[in-house]
């Protein structure tokens, strides 16, 4: 089964939000307010994903700093089956 590369999402906007999008859209893209709204949502999603990844990296670094003895372990025990460099 093939997954769609994008989805359609319907959201309700306040009249003020709709007005602001409509006013800003001509300076953004020829496709109009819906394209601007999509760009805003996609940017937010990308930033949220990046923040989640960074949070995971920060937790990992914090753990590694708190447990420096972990570096003495054999990496093969953590990553079995990886090809040797």
Protein backbone atom coordinates (compact mmCIF):
# COMPACT_ATOMS: atom_id res chain seq x y z
CA UNK A 1 0.00 0.00 0.00
CA UNK A 2 1.35 3.43 -0.93
CA UNK A 3 1.17 6.28 1.59
CA UNK A 4 0.08 9.72 0.46
CA UNK A 5 2.82 12.30 0.52
CA UNK A 6 0.44 14.90 1.92
CA UNK A 7 -2.91 15.10 3.65
CA UNK A 8 -5.78 17.54 3.50
CA UNK A 9 -6.63 19.17 6.81
CA UNK A 10 -9.67 21.35 7.40
CA UNK A 11 -9.49 23.77 10.30
CA UNK A 12 -11.84 26.44 11.54
CA UNK A 13 -10.39 29.93 11.70
CA UNK A 14 -11.62 32.97 13.52
CA UNK A 15 -12.73 35.78 11.25
CA UNK A 16 -9.66 37.76 12.36
CA UNK A 17 -7.26 34.92 11.52
CA UNK A 18 -8.92 34.49 8.13
CA UNK A 19 -8.61 38.24 7.46
CA UNK A 20 -4.92 38.30 8.41
CA UNK A 21 -4.18 35.29 6.19
CA UNK A 22 -6.07 36.84 3.29
CA UNK A 23 -4.19 40.13 3.69
CA UNK A 24 -0.78 38.45 3.95
CA UNK A 25 -1.30 35.86 1.22
CA UNK A 26 -0.70 38.07 -1.84
CA UNK A 27 2.77 38.96 -0.59
CA UNK A 28 3.57 35.33 0.19
CA UNK A 29 2.54 33.13 -2.70
CA UNK A 30 0.32 33.17 -5.74
CA UNK A 31 -1.64 30.23 -4.32
CA UNK A 32 -3.20 32.45 -1.67
CA UNK A 33 -4.23 32.14 1.95
CA UNK A 34 -4.45 28.35 1.99
CA UNK A 35 -0.84 28.07 0.82
CA UNK A 36 0.25 30.53 3.49
CA UNK A 37 -1.63 28.59 6.16
CA UNK A 38 -0.06 25.35 4.93
CA UNK A 39 3.41 26.89 5.02
CA UNK A 40 2.82 28.12 8.57
CA UNK A 41 1.63 24.70 9.73
CA UNK A 42 4.45 22.85 7.97
CA UNK A 43 7.06 25.22 9.43
CA UNK A 44 5.56 24.75 12.90
CA UNK A 45 5.60 20.96 12.47
CA UNK A 46 9.24 20.99 11.32
CA UNK A 47 10.26 23.23 14.23
CA UNK A 48 8.36 21.04 16.69
CA UNK A 49 10.05 17.91 15.34
CA UNK A 50 13.48 19.59 15.53
CA UNK A 51 12.78 20.65 19.13
CA UNK A 52 11.78 17.08 20.05
CA UNK A 53 14.96 15.69 18.48
CA UNK A 54 17.07 18.32 20.26
CA UNK A 55 15.36 17.47 23.54
CA UNK A 56 16.26 13.81 23.03
CA UNK A 57 19.86 14.74 22.25
CA UNK A 58 20.00 16.94 25.35
CA UNK A 59 18.66 14.10 27.54
CA UNK A 60 21.20 11.69 26.04
CA UNK A 61 24.10 14.09 26.62
CA UNK A 62 22.92 14.71 30.17
CA UNK A 63 22.74 10.96 30.82
CA UNK A 64 26.17 10.39 29.31
CA UNK A 65 27.66 13.17 31.45
CA UNK A 66 26.06 11.67 34.56
CA UNK A 67 27.28 8.15 33.66
CA UNK A 68 30.76 8.56 32.18
CA UNK A 69 31.61 4.97 33.02
CA UNK A 70 29.20 3.91 30.26
CA UNK A 71 31.85 4.78 27.70
CA UNK A 72 34.01 1.91 28.94
CA UNK A 73 31.45 -0.60 27.67
CA UNK A 74 31.84 -2.50 24.45
CA UNK A 75 29.82 -0.77 21.69
CA UNK A 76 29.04 -4.17 20.16
CA UNK A 77 26.88 -4.95 23.18
CA UNK A 78 24.77 -1.87 22.44
CA UNK A 79 24.71 -2.17 18.65
CA UNK A 80 24.97 -5.85 17.78
CA UNK A 81 25.33 -6.71 14.14
CA UNK A 82 26.65 -3.36 12.94
CA UNK A 83 29.36 -3.68 10.32
CA UNK A 84 32.86 -2.80 11.50
CA UNK A 85 34.35 0.39 10.11
